[in-house]
Amino acid sequence: MTDLTPTPDRPGLHISKSSPNAPATGSAVCHCGASATATGDAQVHRLVQGWEANHGSAHTKGGTK
């Protein structure tokens, strides 16, 4: 399987949860240079919320963050 971890050359958001009992993990890299990682379901949820609010699609909607 291809490594789906985001990098500066391939920005994006990647979330993984290997089983229902395992904690979720996530990583994000934005083309603006911001990056973050999270472990645990609640932290990954906040990572996704932050990504949507400040990076990723927010940049295409005219966001300046």
Protein backbone atom coordinates (compact mmCIF):
# COMPACT_ATOMS: atom_id res chain seq x y z
CA MET A 1 0.00 0.00 0.00
CA THR A 2 1.15 3.52 -0.74
CA ASP A 3 2.28 5.72 2.15
CA LEU A 4 -0.55 8.24 2.55
CA THR A 5 1.21 10.41 5.13
CA PRO A 6 1.05 14.06 4.01
CA THR A 7 4.31 15.85 3.22
CA PRO A 8 5.17 19.39 2.09
CA ASP A 9 5.28 18.02 -1.47
CA ARG A 10 1.94 16.22 -0.99
CA PRO A 11 -0.07 18.29 1.51
CA GLY A 12 -3.24 16.90 2.99
CA LEU A 13 -4.90 15.25 5.94
CA HIS A 14 -4.52 11.56 6.81
CA ILE A 15 -6.49 9.77 9.51
CA SER A 16 -6.04 6.14 10.53
CA LYS A 17 -7.74 3.81 13.01
CA SER A 18 -6.55 0.23 12.77
CA SER A 19 -9.42 -1.24 14.79
CA PRO A 20 -12.45 -0.05 16.79
CA ASN A 21 -10.47 -0.46 20.00
CA ALA A 22 -7.30 1.29 18.81
CA PRO A 23 -6.80 5.04 19.16
CA ALA A 24 -7.09 7.07 15.99
CA THR A 25 -3.98 8.80 14.64
CA GLY A 26 -3.83 11.72 12.28
CA SER A 27 -1.40 13.97 10.52
CA ALA A 28 -1.84 17.09 8.45
CA VAL A 29 0.48 19.18 6.31
CA CYS A 30 -0.77 22.30 4.53
CA HIS A 31 0.73 23.94 1.47
CA CYS A 32 1.12 27.10 3.64
CA GLY A 33 3.72 25.23 5.74
CA ALA A 34 1.60 24.38 8.79
CA SER A 35 1.71 20.80 10.08
CA ALA A 36 0.25 18.86 13.00
CA THR A 37 -0.16 15.34 14.35
CA ALA A 38 -2.65 13.85 16.81
CA THR A 39 -3.17 10.59 18.67
CA GLY A 40 -6.45 9.58 20.24
CA ASP A 41 -9.99 9.92 18.98
CA ALA A 42 -10.71 13.30 20.62
CA GLN A 43 -7.40 14.84 19.54
CA VAL A 44 -7.83 13.60 15.96
CA HIS A 45 -11.35 15.05 15.90
CA ARG A 46 -9.90 18.44 16.91
CA LEU A 47 -7.15 18.07 14.28
CA VAL A 48 -9.81 17.58 11.59
CA GLN A 49 -11.83 20.54 12.86
CA GLY A 50 -8.75 22.77 12.86
CA TRP A 51 -7.77 21.61 9.38
CA GLU A 52 -11.21 22.40 7.99
CA ALA A 53 -11.40 25.76 9.76
CA ASN A 54 -7.90 27.04 8.99
CA HIS A 55 -6.27 25.01 6.22
CA GLY A 56 -7.19 22.65 3.39
CA SER A 57 -10.52 23.77 2.02
CA ALA A 58 -10.39 27.02 4.04
CA HIS A 59 -7.60 28.22 1.75
CA THR A 60 -9.71 27.57 -1.35
CA LYS A 61 -12.57 29.57 0.22
CA GLY A 62 -10.36 32.62 0.53
CA GLY A 63 -9.03 31.95 4.02
CA THR A 64 -5.79 33.69 4.88
CA LYS A 65 -4.57 31.49 7.71
